[in-house]
Amino acid sequence: FPGLSRYAQMAVHTTVCFLLLSVGVFFARPDRGFMRVITHSGL
């Protein structure tokens, strides 16, 4: 992690946990916002 990336050192399992949390927030309310487009029963 040279240069600027030195300040962005996340552990491997840290990145995975953050991605899981972000996905979990979307899935917790699947009938709202962005998720409403995905869960809609139409075309």
PDB file of all heavy atoms in Angstrom:
ATOM      1  N   PHE A   1       0.845  -1.189   0.000  1.00  0.00           N
ATOM      2  CA  PHE A   1       0.000   0.000   0.000  1.00  0.00           C
ATOM      3  C   PHE A   1       0.887   1.248   0.000  1.00  0.00           C
ATOM      4  O   PHE A   1       1.034   1.911   1.017  1.00  0.00           O
ATOM      5  CB  PHE A   1      -0.918   0.009   1.222  1.00  0.00           C
ATOM      6  CG  PHE A   1      -1.908  -1.117   1.221  1.00  0.00           C
ATOM      7  CD1 PHE A   1      -1.564  -2.375   1.688  1.00  0.00           C
ATOM      8  CD2 PHE A   1      -3.178  -0.923   0.731  1.00  0.00           C
ATOM      9  CE1 PHE A   1      -2.481  -3.408   1.695  1.00  0.00           C
ATOM     10  CE2 PHE A   1      -4.107  -1.953   0.735  1.00  0.00           C
ATOM     11  CZ  PHE A   1      -3.753  -3.200   1.213  1.00  0.00           C
ATOM     12  N   PRO A   2       1.502   1.569  -1.138  1.00  0.00           N
ATOM     13  CA  PRO A   2       2.351   2.762  -1.182  1.00  0.00           C
ATOM     14  C   PRO A   2       1.530   4.021  -1.412  1.00  0.00           C
ATOM     15  O   PRO A   2       0.370   3.970  -1.820  1.00  0.00           O
ATOM     16  CB  PRO A   2       3.257   2.481  -2.392  1.00  0.00           C
ATOM     17  CG  PRO A   2       2.388   1.670  -3.304  1.00  0.00           C
ATOM     18  CD  PRO A   2       1.528   0.818  -2.407  1.00  0.00           C
ATOM     19  N   GLY A   3       2.134   5.170  -1.152  1.00  0.00           N
ATOM     20  CA  GLY A   3       1.524   6.457  -1.457  1.00  0.00           C
ATOM     21  C   GLY A   3       0.193   6.662  -0.750  1.00  0.00           C
ATOM     22  O   GLY A   3       0.023   6.359   0.430  1.00  0.00           O
ATOM     23  N   LEU A   4      -0.773   7.181  -1.507  1.00  0.00           N
ATOM     24  CA  LEU A   4      -2.071   7.499  -0.936  1.00  0.00           C
ATOM     25  C   LEU A   4      -2.807   6.255  -0.451  1.00  0.00           C
ATOM     26  O   LEU A   4      -3.571   6.321   0.516  1.00  0.00           O
ATOM     27  CB  LEU A   4      -2.929   8.232  -1.984  1.00  0.00           C
ATOM     28  CG  LEU A   4      -4.301   8.724  -1.522  1.00  0.00           C
ATOM     29  CD1 LEU A   4      -4.143   9.737  -0.401  1.00  0.00           C
ATOM     30  CD2 LEU A   4      -5.069   9.330  -2.681  1.00  0.00           C
ATOM     31  N   SER A   5      -2.584   5.120  -1.111  1.00  0.00           N
ATOM     32  CA  SER A   5      -3.284   3.904  -0.699  1.00  0.00           C
ATOM     33  C   SER A   5      -2.879   3.445   0.692  1.00  0.00           C
ATOM     34  O   SER A   5      -3.542   2.599   1.294  1.00  0.00           O
ATOM     35  CB  SER A   5      -3.001   2.774  -1.702  1.00  0.00           C
ATOM     36  OG  SER A   5      -1.626   2.448  -1.716  1.00  0.00           O
ATOM     37  N   ARG A   6      -1.786   4.013   1.240  1.00  0.00           N
ATOM     38  CA  ARG A   6      -1.368   3.666   2.593  1.00  0.00           C
ATOM     39  C   ARG A   6      -2.441   4.030   3.613  1.00  0.00           C
ATOM     40  O   ARG A   6      -2.554   3.429   4.672  1.00  0.00           O
ATOM     41  CB  ARG A   6      -0.060   4.404   2.915  1.00  0.00           C
ATOM     42  CG  ARG A   6       0.500   4.135   4.310  1.00  0.00           C
ATOM     43  CD  ARG A   6       1.902   4.709   4.414  1.00  0.00           C
ATOM     44  NE  ARG A   6       2.424   4.542   5.754  1.00  0.00           N
ATOM     45  CZ  ARG A   6       2.393   5.501   6.690  1.00  0.00           C
ATOM     46  NH1 ARG A   6       1.858   6.670   6.378  1.00  0.00           N
ATOM     47  NH2 ARG A   6       2.876   5.298   7.901  1.00  0.00           N
ATOM     48  N   TYR A   7      -3.258   5.029   3.287  1.00  0.00           N
ATOM     49  CA  TYR A   7      -4.313   5.472   4.192  1.00  0.00           C
ATOM     50  C   TYR A   7      -5.633   4.739   3.939  1.00  0.00           C
ATOM     51  O   TYR A   7      -6.651   5.102   4.502  1.00  0.00           O
ATOM     52  CB  TYR A   7      -4.538   6.975   4.042  1.00  0.00           C
ATOM     53  CG  TYR A   7      -3.329   7.779   4.457  1.00  0.00           C
ATOM     54  CD1 TYR A   7      -2.334   8.105   3.538  1.00  0.00           C
ATOM     55  CD2 TYR A   7      -3.177   8.179   5.777  1.00  0.00           C
ATOM     56  CE1 TYR A   7      -1.212   8.827   3.924  1.00  0.00           C
ATOM     57  CE2 TYR A   7      -2.063   8.902   6.171  1.00  0.00           C
ATOM     58  CZ  TYR A   7      -1.089   9.227   5.231  1.00  0.00           C
ATOM     59  OH  TYR A   7       0.006   9.941   5.626  1.00  0.00           O
ATOM     60  N   ALA A   8      -5.615   3.735   3.097  1.00  0.00           N
ATOM     61  CA  ALA A   8      -6.829   2.979   2.789  1.00  0.00           C
ATOM     62  C   ALA A   8      -6.615   1.488   3.008  1.00  0.00           C
ATOM     63  O   ALA A   8      -7.095   0.661   2.257  1.00  0.00           O
ATOM     64  CB  ALA A   8      -7.253   3.240   1.337  1.00  0.00           C
ATOM     65  N   GLN A   9      -5.868   1.140   4.054  1.00  0.00           N
ATOM     66  CA  GLN A   9      -5.511  -0.249   4.305  1.00  0.00           C
ATOM     67  C   GLN A   9      -6.617  -0.947   5.077  1.00  0.00           C
ATOM     68  O   GLN A   9      -6.651  -0.897   6.304  1.00  0.00           O
ATOM     69  CB  GLN A   9      -4.194  -0.336   5.086  1.00  0.00           C
ATOM     70  CG  GLN A   9      -3.010   0.346   4.397  1.00  0.00           C
ATOM     71  CD  GLN A   9      -1.740   0.186   5.191  1.00  0.00           C
ATOM     72  OE1 GLN A   9      -1.277  -0.917   5.416  1.00  0.00           O
ATOM     73  NE2 GLN A   9      -1.184   1.296   5.641  1.00  0.00           N
ATOM     74  N   MET A  10      -7.503  -1.579   4.380  1.00  0.00           N
ATOM     75  CA  MET A  10      -8.506  -2.425   5.013  1.00  0.00           C
ATOM     76  C   MET A  10      -8.039  -3.871   4.957  1.00  0.00           C
ATOM     77  O   MET A  10      -7.451  -4.297   3.959  1.00  0.00           O
ATOM     78  CB  MET A  10      -9.854  -2.309   4.278  1.00  0.00           C
ATOM     79  CG  MET A  10     -10.643  -1.067   4.567  1.00  0.00           C
ATOM     80  SD  MET A  10     -12.295  -1.227   3.836  1.00  0.00           S
ATOM     81  CE  MET A  10     -12.953   0.394   4.185  1.00  0.00           C
ATOM     82  N   ALA A  11      -8.307  -4.614   6.012  1.00  0.00           N
ATOM     83  CA  ALA A  11      -8.047  -6.043   5.963  1.00  0.00           C
ATOM     84  C   ALA A  11      -8.999  -6.702   4.977  1.00  0.00           C
ATOM     85  O   ALA A  11     -10.062  -6.159   4.648  1.00  0.00           O
ATOM     86  CB  ALA A  11      -8.210  -6.651   7.351  1.00  0.00           C
ATOM     87  N   VAL A  12      -8.610  -7.892   4.512  1.00  0.00           N
ATOM     88  CA  VAL A  12      -9.436  -8.589   3.528  1.00  0.00           C
ATOM     89  C   VAL A  12     -10.831  -8.845   4.093  1.00  0.00           C
ATOM     90  O   VAL A  12     -11.850  -8.541   3.463  1.00  0.00           O
ATOM     91  CB  VAL A  12      -8.785  -9.922   3.116  1.00  0.00           C
ATOM     92  CG1 VAL A  12      -9.672 -10.660   2.123  1.00  0.00           C
ATOM     93  CG2 VAL A  12      -7.417  -9.675   2.510  1.00  0.00           C
ATOM     94  N   HIS A  13     -10.907  -9.397   5.329  1.00  0.00           N
ATOM     95  CA  HIS A  13     -12.211  -9.699   5.891  1.00  0.00           C
ATOM     96  C   HIS A  13     -12.957  -8.425   6.288  1.00  0.00           C
ATOM     97  O   HIS A  13     -14.187  -8.445   6.422  1.00  0.00           O
ATOM     98  CB  HIS A  13     -12.120 -10.669   7.064  1.00  0.00           C
ATOM     99  CG  HIS A  13     -10.961 -10.463   7.993  1.00  0.00           C
ATOM    100  ND1 HIS A  13      -9.833  -9.757   7.664  1.00  0.00           N
ATOM    101  CD2 HIS A  13     -10.756 -10.878   9.276  1.00  0.00           C
ATOM    102  CE1 HIS A  13      -8.989  -9.756   8.688  1.00  0.00           C
ATOM    103  NE2 HIS A  13      -9.529 -10.419   9.686  1.00  0.00           N
ATOM    104  N   THR A  14     -12.246  -7.316   6.460  1.00  0.00           N
ATOM    105  CA  THR A  14     -12.944  -6.042   6.704  1.00  0.00           C
ATOM    106  C   THR A  14     -13.725  -5.613   5.471  1.00  0.00           C
ATOM    107  O   THR A  14     -14.884  -5.187   5.562  1.00  0.00           O
ATOM    108  CB  THR A  14     -11.937  -4.950   7.095  1.00  0.00           C
ATOM    109  OG1 THR A  14     -11.259  -5.336   8.294  1.00  0.00           O
ATOM    110  CG2 THR A  14     -12.644  -3.623   7.331  1.00  0.00           C
ATOM    111  N   THR A  15     -13.105  -5.716   4.286  1.00  0.00           N
ATOM    112  CA  THR A  15     -13.810  -5.337   3.051  1.00  0.00           C
ATOM    113  C   THR A  15     -15.025  -6.222   2.820  1.00  0.00           C
ATOM    114  O   THR A  15     -16.091  -5.735   2.420  1.00  0.00           O
ATOM    115  CB  THR A  15     -12.862  -5.427   1.838  1.00  0.00           C
ATOM    116  OG1 THR A  15     -12.425  -6.790   1.657  1.00  0.00           O
ATOM    117  CG2 THR A  15     -11.639  -4.548   2.041  1.00  0.00           C
ATOM    118  N   VAL A  16     -14.882  -7.515   3.095  1.00  0.00           N
ATOM    119  CA  VAL A  16     -16.012  -8.437   2.891  1.00  0.00           C
ATOM    120  C   VAL A  16     -17.163  -8.096   3.837  1.00  0.00           C
ATOM    121  O   VAL A  16     -18.331  -8.076   3.443  1.00  0.00           O
ATOM    122  CB  VAL A  16     -15.548  -9.893   3.100  1.00  0.00           C
ATOM    123  CG1 VAL A  16     -16.741 -10.844   3.030  1.00  0.00           C
ATOM    124  CG2 VAL A  16     -14.514 -10.280   2.049  1.00  0.00           C
ATOM    125  N   CYS A  17     -16.829  -7.792   5.101  1.00  0.00           N
ATOM    126  CA  CYS A  17     -17.877  -7.464   6.079  1.00  0.00           C
ATOM    127  C   CYS A  17     -18.606  -6.178   5.691  1.00  0.00           C
ATOM    128  O   CYS A  17     -19.836  -6.085   5.831  1.00  0.00           O
ATOM    129  CB  CYS A  17     -17.263  -7.336   7.473  1.00  0.00           C
ATOM    130  SG  CYS A  17     -16.810  -8.913   8.229  1.00  0.00           S
ATOM    131  N   PHE A  18     -17.870  -5.176   5.219  1.00  0.00           N
ATOM    132  CA  PHE A  18     -18.526  -3.931   4.808  1.00  0.00           C
ATOM    133  C   PHE A  18     -19.461  -4.165   3.620  1.00  0.00           C
ATOM    134  O   PHE A  18     -20.565  -3.609   3.563  1.00  0.00           O
ATOM    135  CB  PHE A  18     -17.479  -2.871   4.455  1.00  0.00           C
ATOM    136  CG  PHE A  18     -16.989  -2.085   5.638  1.00  0.00           C
ATOM    137  CD1 PHE A  18     -15.637  -1.847   5.815  1.00  0.00           C
ATOM    138  CD2 PHE A  18     -17.872  -1.594   6.573  1.00  0.00           C
ATOM    139  CE1 PHE A  18     -15.174  -1.126   6.914  1.00  0.00           C
ATOM    140  CE2 PHE A  18     -17.426  -0.868   7.668  1.00  0.00           C
ATOM    141  CZ  PHE A  18     -16.070  -0.644   7.838  1.00  0.00           C
ATOM    142  N   LEU A  19     -19.021  -4.976   2.656  1.00  0.00           N
ATOM    143  CA  LEU A  19     -19.879  -5.277   1.515  1.00  0.00           C
ATOM    144  C   LEU A  19     -21.133  -6.028   1.957  1.00  0.00           C
ATOM    145  O   LEU A  19     -22.242  -5.751   1.478  1.00  0.00           O
ATOM    146  CB  LEU A  19     -19.106  -6.098   0.476  1.00  0.00           C
ATOM    147  CG  LEU A  19     -17.991  -5.353  -0.267  1.00  0.00           C
ATOM    148  CD1 LEU A  19     -17.232  -6.307  -1.185  1.00  0.00           C
ATOM    149  CD2 LEU A  19     -18.552  -4.203  -1.083  1.00  0.00           C
ATOM    150  N   LEU A  20     -20.974  -6.982   2.907  1.00  0.00           N
ATOM    151  CA  LEU A  20     -22.133  -7.703   3.418  1.00  0.00           C
ATOM    152  C   LEU A  20     -23.098  -6.768   4.140  1.00  0.00           C
ATOM    153  O   LEU A  20     -24.324  -6.876   4.001  1.00  0.00           O
ATOM    154  CB  LEU A  20     -21.671  -8.817   4.363  1.00  0.00           C
ATOM    155  CG  LEU A  20     -20.987 -10.023   3.707  1.00  0.00           C
ATOM    156  CD1 LEU A  20     -20.480 -10.986   4.769  1.00  0.00           C
ATOM    157  CD2 LEU A  20     -21.932 -10.744   2.764  1.00  0.00           C
ATOM    158  N   LEU A  21     -22.558  -5.832   4.948  1.00  0.00           N
ATOM    159  CA  LEU A  21     -23.421  -4.880   5.644  1.00  0.00           C
ATOM    160  C   LEU A  21     -24.186  -3.996   4.662  1.00  0.00           C
ATOM    161  O   LEU A  21     -25.379  -3.739   4.836  1.00  0.00           O
ATOM    162  CB  LEU A  21     -22.577  -4.010   6.586  1.00  0.00           C
ATOM    163  CG  LEU A  21     -22.193  -4.608   7.937  1.00  0.00           C
ATOM    164  CD1 LEU A  21     -21.279  -3.656   8.691  1.00  0.00           C
ATOM    165  CD2 LEU A  21     -23.432  -4.906   8.770  1.00  0.00           C
ATOM    166  N   SER A  22     -23.480  -3.506   3.619  1.00  0.00           N
ATOM    167  CA  SER A  22     -24.144  -2.640   2.636  1.00  0.00           C
ATOM    168  C   SER A  22     -25.269  -3.389   1.929  1.00  0.00           C
ATOM    169  O   SER A  22     -26.384  -2.868   1.759  1.00  0.00           O
ATOM    170  CB  SER A  22     -23.117  -2.128   1.618  1.00  0.00           C
ATOM    171  OG  SER A  22     -22.091  -1.395   2.254  1.00  0.00           O
ATOM    172  N   VAL A  23     -24.989  -4.629   1.520  1.00  0.00           N
ATOM    173  CA  VAL A  23     -26.022  -5.441   0.874  1.00  0.00           C
ATOM    174  C   VAL A  23     -27.170  -5.709   1.840  1.00  0.00           C
ATOM    175  O   VAL A  23     -28.352  -5.689   1.473  1.00  0.00           O
ATOM    176  CB  VAL A  23     -25.413  -6.756   0.355  1.00  0.00           C
ATOM    177  CG1 VAL A  23     -26.505  -7.698  -0.131  1.00  0.00           C
ATOM    178  CG2 VAL A  23     -24.435  -6.476  -0.782  1.00  0.00           C
ATOM    179  N   GLY A  24     -26.820  -5.969   3.119  1.00  0.00           N
ATOM    180  CA  GLY A  24     -27.849  -6.221   4.114  1.00  0.00           C
ATOM    181  C   GLY A  24     -28.786  -5.048   4.317  1.00  0.00           C
ATOM    182  O   GLY A  24     -29.989  -5.230   4.531  1.00  0.00           O
ATOM    183  N   VAL A  25     -28.260  -3.820   4.271  1.00  0.00           N
ATOM    184  CA  VAL A  25     -29.115  -2.632   4.393  1.00  0.00           C
ATOM    185  C   VAL A  25     -30.108  -2.565   3.240  1.00  0.00           C
ATOM    186  O   VAL A  25     -31.297  -2.269   3.428  1.00  0.00           O
ATOM    187  CB  VAL A  25     -28.256  -1.353   4.446  1.00  0.00           C
ATOM    188  CG1 VAL A  25     -29.135  -0.112   4.351  1.00  0.00           C
ATOM    189  CG2 VAL A  25     -27.436  -1.307   5.730  1.00  0.00           C
ATOM    190  N   PHE A  26     -29.648  -2.852   2.014  1.00  0.00           N
ATOM    191  CA  PHE A  26     -30.551  -2.851   0.863  1.00  0.00           C
ATOM    192  C   PHE A  26     -31.617  -3.941   1.005  1.00  0.00           C
ATOM    193  O   PHE A  26     -32.799  -3.701   0.767  1.00  0.00           O
ATOM    194  CB  PHE A  26     -29.765  -3.075  -0.431  1.00  0.00           C
ATOM    195  CG  PHE A  26     -29.118  -1.833  -0.970  1.00  0.00           C
ATOM    196  CD1 PHE A  26     -27.796  -1.526  -0.689  1.00  0.00           C
ATOM    197  CD2 PHE A  26     -29.841  -0.962  -1.754  1.00  0.00           C
ATOM    198  CE1 PHE A  26     -27.213  -0.376  -1.181  1.00  0.00           C
ATOM    199  CE2 PHE A  26     -29.271   0.184  -2.263  1.00  0.00           C
ATOM    200  CZ  PHE A  26     -27.950   0.476  -1.973  1.00  0.00           C
ATOM    201  N   PHE A  27     -31.197  -5.152   1.413  1.00  0.00           N
ATOM    202  CA  PHE A  27     -32.137  -6.269   1.509  1.00  0.00           C
ATOM    203  C   PHE A  27     -33.115  -6.093   2.664  1.00  0.00           C
ATOM    204  O   PHE A  27     -34.192  -6.688   2.649  1.00  0.00           O
ATOM    205  CB  PHE A  27     -31.363  -7.573   1.681  1.00  0.00           C
ATOM    206  CG  PHE A  27     -30.685  -8.043   0.433  1.00  0.00           C
ATOM    207  CD1 PHE A  27     -29.921  -9.190   0.422  1.00  0.00           C
ATOM    208  CD2 PHE A  27     -30.802  -7.330  -0.758  1.00  0.00           C
ATOM    209  CE1 PHE A  27     -29.295  -9.637  -0.735  1.00  0.00           C
ATOM    210  CE2 PHE A  27     -30.179  -7.754  -1.916  1.00  0.00           C
ATOM    211  CZ  PHE A  27     -29.424  -8.908  -1.901  1.00  0.00           C
ATOM    212  N   ALA A  28     -32.749  -5.299   3.682  1.00  0.00           N
ATOM    213  CA  ALA A  28     -33.639  -5.120   4.827  1.00  0.00           C
ATOM    214  C   ALA A  28     -34.915  -4.389   4.444  1.00  0.00           C
ATOM    215  O   ALA A  28     -35.956  -4.566   5.078  1.00  0.00           O
ATOM    216  CB  ALA A  28     -32.909  -4.363   5.943  1.00  0.00           C
ATOM    217  N   ARG A  29     -34.845  -3.522   3.433  1.00  0.00           N
ATOM    218  CA  ARG A  29     -36.018  -2.797   2.953  1.00  0.00           C
ATOM    219  C   ARG A  29     -36.099  -2.952   1.437  1.00  0.00           C
ATOM    220  O   ARG A  29     -35.816  -2.027   0.669  1.00  0.00           O
ATOM    221  CB  ARG A  29     -35.931  -1.310   3.338  1.00  0.00           C
ATOM    222  CG  ARG A  29     -35.887  -1.047   4.835  1.00  0.00           C
ATOM    223  CD  ARG A  29     -37.182  -1.465   5.518  1.00  0.00           C
ATOM    224  NE  ARG A  29     -37.177  -1.119   6.933  1.00  0.00           N
ATOM    225  CZ  ARG A  29     -36.760  -1.936   7.887  1.00  0.00           C
ATOM    226  NH1 ARG A  29     -36.298  -3.138   7.567  1.00  0.00           N
ATOM    227  NH2 ARG A  29     -36.791  -1.557   9.154  1.00  0.00           N
ATOM    228  N   PRO A  30     -36.473  -4.147   0.937  1.00  0.00           N
ATOM    229  CA  PRO A  30     -36.426  -4.411  -0.509  1.00  0.00           C
ATOM    230  C   PRO A  30     -37.520  -3.747  -1.323  1.00  0.00           C
ATOM    231  O   PRO A  30     -37.490  -3.832  -2.548  1.00  0.00           O
ATOM    232  CB  PRO A  30     -36.561  -5.947  -0.557  1.00  0.00           C
ATOM    233  CG  PRO A  30     -37.332  -6.293   0.666  1.00  0.00           C
ATOM    234  CD  PRO A  30     -36.925  -5.302   1.718  1.00  0.00           C
ATOM    235  N   ASP A  31     -38.502  -3.133  -0.665  1.00  0.00           N
ATOM    236  CA  ASP A  31     -39.602  -2.510  -1.402  1.00  0.00           C
ATOM    237  C   ASP A  31     -39.465  -1.002  -1.469  1.00  0.00           C
ATOM    238  O   ASP A  31     -40.443  -0.296  -1.722  1.00  0.00           O
ATOM    239  CB  ASP A  31     -40.935  -2.871  -0.738  1.00  0.00           C
ATOM    240  CG  ASP A  31     -40.969  -2.526   0.743  1.00  0.00           C
ATOM    241  OD1 ASP A  31     -39.885  -2.243   1.314  1.00  0.00           O
ATOM    242  OD2 ASP A  31     -42.057  -2.557   1.328  1.00  0.00           O
ATOM    243  N   ARG A  32     -38.248  -0.466  -1.265  1.00  0.00           N
ATOM    244  CA  ARG A  32     -38.038   0.973  -1.256  1.00  0.00           C
ATOM    245  C   ARG A  32     -36.855   1.355  -2.139  1.00  0.00           C
ATOM    246  O   ARG A  32     -35.928   0.566  -2.320  1.00  0.00           O
ATOM    247  CB  ARG A  32     -37.748   1.469   0.172  1.00  0.00           C
ATOM    248  CG  ARG A  32     -38.851   1.198   1.163  1.00  0.00           C
ATOM    249  CD  ARG A  32     -38.437   1.625   2.555  1.00  0.00           C
ATOM    250  NE  ARG A  32     -39.468   1.355   3.551  1.00  0.00           N
ATOM    251  CZ  ARG A  32     -39.301   1.536   4.849  1.00  0.00           C
ATOM    252  NH1 ARG A  32     -38.144   2.007   5.301  1.00  0.00           N
ATOM    253  NH2 ARG A  32     -40.262   1.269   5.693  1.00  0.00           N
ATOM    254  N   GLY A  33     -36.870   2.584  -2.631  1.00  0.00           N
ATOM    255  CA  GLY A  33     -35.717   3.165  -3.326  1.00  0.00           C
ATOM    256  C   GLY A  33     -35.234   2.333  -4.486  1.00  0.00           C
ATOM    257  O   GLY A  33     -36.008   1.854  -5.333  1.00  0.00           O
ATOM    258  N   PHE A  34     -33.892   2.126  -4.520  1.00  0.00           N
ATOM    259  CA  PHE A  34     -33.280   1.369  -5.611  1.00  0.00           C
ATOM    260  C   PHE A  34     -33.839  -0.055  -5.693  1.00  0.00           C
ATOM    261  O   PHE A  34     -34.052  -0.599  -6.772  1.00  0.00           O
ATOM    262  CB  PHE A  34     -31.763   1.277  -5.424  1.00  0.00           C
ATOM    263  CG  PHE A  34     -31.078   2.604  -5.378  1.00  0.00           C
ATOM    264  CD1 PHE A  34     -29.924   2.789  -4.633  1.00  0.00           C
ATOM    265  CD2 PHE A  34     -31.585   3.672  -6.082  1.00  0.00           C
ATOM    266  CE1 PHE A  34     -29.292   4.022  -4.591  1.00  0.00           C
ATOM    267  CE2 PHE A  34     -30.968   4.907  -6.053  1.00  0.00           C
ATOM    268  CZ  PHE A  34     -29.815   5.075  -5.308  1.00  0.00           C
ATOM    269  N   MET A  35     -34.043  -0.670  -4.521  1.00  0.00           N
ATOM    270  CA  MET A  35     -34.464  -2.067  -4.502  1.00  0.00           C
ATOM    271  C   MET A  35     -35.866  -2.257  -5.079  1.00  0.00           C
ATOM    272  O   MET A  35     -36.203  -3.344  -5.540  1.00  0.00           O
ATOM    273  CB  MET A  35     -34.414  -2.585  -3.060  1.00  0.00           C
ATOM    274  CG  MET A  35     -33.022  -2.741  -2.501  1.00  0.00           C
ATOM    275  SD  MET A  35     -32.033  -3.906  -3.461  1.00  0.00           S
ATOM    276  CE  MET A  35     -32.960  -5.407  -3.245  1.00  0.00           C
ATOM    277  N   ARG A  36     -36.685  -1.211  -5.050  1.00  0.00           N
ATOM    278  CA  ARG A  36     -38.040  -1.356  -5.571  1.00  0.00           C
ATOM    279  C   ARG A  36     -38.033  -1.678  -7.061  1.00  0.00           C
ATOM    280  O   ARG A  36     -38.901  -2.401  -7.559  1.00  0.00           O
ATOM    281  CB  ARG A  36     -38.832  -0.069  -5.312  1.00  0.00           C
ATOM    282  CG  ARG A  36     -40.303  -0.173  -5.659  1.00  0.00           C
ATOM    283  CD  ARG A  36     -41.051   1.095  -5.268  1.00  0.00           C
ATOM    284  NE  ARG A  36     -42.456   0.989  -5.549  1.00  0.00           N
ATOM    285  CZ  ARG A  36     -42.998   1.244  -6.736  1.00  0.00           C
ATOM    286  NH1 ARG A  36     -42.224   1.641  -7.723  1.00  0.00           N
ATOM    287  NH2 ARG A  36     -44.295   1.119  -6.928  1.00  0.00           N
ATOM    288  N   VAL A  37     -37.035  -1.132  -7.785  1.00  0.00           N
ATOM    289  CA  VAL A  37     -36.914  -1.443  -9.212  1.00  0.00           C
ATOM    290  C   VAL A  37     -36.593  -2.919  -9.414  1.00  0.00           C
ATOM    291  O   VAL A  37     -37.120  -3.580 -10.306  1.00  0.00           O
ATOM    292  CB  VAL A  37     -35.821  -0.563  -9.855  1.00  0.00           C
ATOM    293  CG1 VAL A  37     -35.644  -0.918 -11.323  1.00  0.00           C
ATOM    294  CG2 VAL A  37     -36.171   0.904  -9.702  1.00  0.00           C
ATOM    295  N   ILE A  38     -35.728  -3.455  -8.543  1.00  0.00           N
ATOM    296  CA  ILE A  38     -35.269  -4.841  -8.695  1.00  0.00           C
ATOM    297  C   ILE A  38     -36.357  -5.830  -8.297  1.00  0.00           C
ATOM    298  O   ILE A  38     -36.546  -6.866  -8.942  1.00  0.00           O
ATOM    299  CB  ILE A  38     -33.994  -5.058  -7.854  1.00  0.00           C
ATOM    300  CG1 ILE A  38     -32.875  -4.127  -8.342  1.00  0.00           C
ATOM    301  CG2 ILE A  38     -33.533  -6.506  -7.916  1.00  0.00           C
ATOM    302  CD1 ILE A  38     -31.639  -4.173  -7.498  1.00  0.00           C
ATOM    303  N   THR A  39     -37.084  -5.538  -7.215  1.00  0.00           N
ATOM    304  CA  THR A  39     -38.089  -6.481  -6.730  1.00  0.00           C
ATOM    305  C   THR A  39     -39.439  -6.326  -7.421  1.00  0.00           C
ATOM    306  O   THR A  39     -40.349  -7.109  -7.151  1.00  0.00           O
ATOM    307  CB  THR A  39     -38.284  -6.291  -5.215  1.00  0.00           C
ATOM    308  OG1 THR A  39     -38.700  -4.937  -4.946  1.00  0.00           O
ATOM    309  CG2 THR A  39     -36.993  -6.566  -4.474  1.00  0.00           C
ATOM    310  N   HIS A  40     -39.572  -5.317  -8.297  1.00  0.00           N
ATOM    311  CA  HIS A  40     -40.847  -5.114  -8.978  1.00  0.00           C
ATOM    312  C   HIS A  40     -41.177  -6.327  -9.835  1.00  0.00           C
ATOM    313  O   HIS A  40     -40.309  -6.945 -10.451  1.00  0.00           O
ATOM    314  CB  HIS A  40     -40.783  -3.854  -9.848  1.00  0.00           C
ATOM    315  CG  HIS A  40     -42.109  -3.378 -10.318  1.00  0.00           C
ATOM    316  ND1 HIS A  40     -42.654  -3.781 -11.514  1.00  0.00           N
ATOM    317  CD2 HIS A  40     -43.029  -2.550  -9.746  1.00  0.00           C
ATOM    318  CE1 HIS A  40     -43.837  -3.216 -11.672  1.00  0.00           C
ATOM    319  NE2 HIS A  40     -44.088  -2.458 -10.617  1.00  0.00           N
ATOM    320  N   SER A  41     -42.447  -6.687  -9.877  1.00  0.00           N
ATOM    321  CA  SER A  41     -42.863  -7.892 -10.587  1.00  0.00           C
ATOM    322  C   SER A  41     -43.044  -7.685 -12.082  1.00  0.00           C
ATOM    323  O   SER A  41     -43.304  -8.640 -12.801  1.00  0.00           O
ATOM    324  CB  SER A  41     -44.182  -8.413  -9.985  1.00  0.00           C
ATOM    325  OG  SER A  41     -45.179  -7.408 -10.036  1.00  0.00           O
ATOM    326  N   GLY A  42     -42.886  -6.441 -12.553  1.00  0.00           N
ATOM    327  CA  GLY A  42     -43.073  -6.171 -13.974  1.00  0.00           C
ATOM    328  C   GLY A  42     -41.832  -6.447 -14.796  1.00  0.00           C
ATOM    329  O   GLY A  42     -40.854  -7.066 -14.341  1.00  0.00           O
ATOM    330  N   LEU A  43     -41.855  -5.970 -16.044  1.00  0.00           N
ATOM    331  CA  LEU A  43     -40.756  -6.213 -16.976  1.00  0.00           C
ATOM    332  C   LEU A  43     -39.444  -5.614 -16.475  1.00  0.00           C
ATOM    333  O   LEU A  43     -38.386  -6.231 -16.587  1.00  0.00           O
ATOM    334  CB  LEU A  43     -41.110  -5.627 -18.345  1.00  0.00           C
ATOM    335  CG  LEU A  43     -40.038  -5.745 -19.430  1.00  0.00           C
ATOM    336  CD1 LEU A  43     -39.702  -7.189 -19.720  1.00  0.00           C
ATOM    337  CD2 LEU A  43     -40.486  -5.031 -20.706  1.00  0.00           C
TER     338      LEU A  43
END
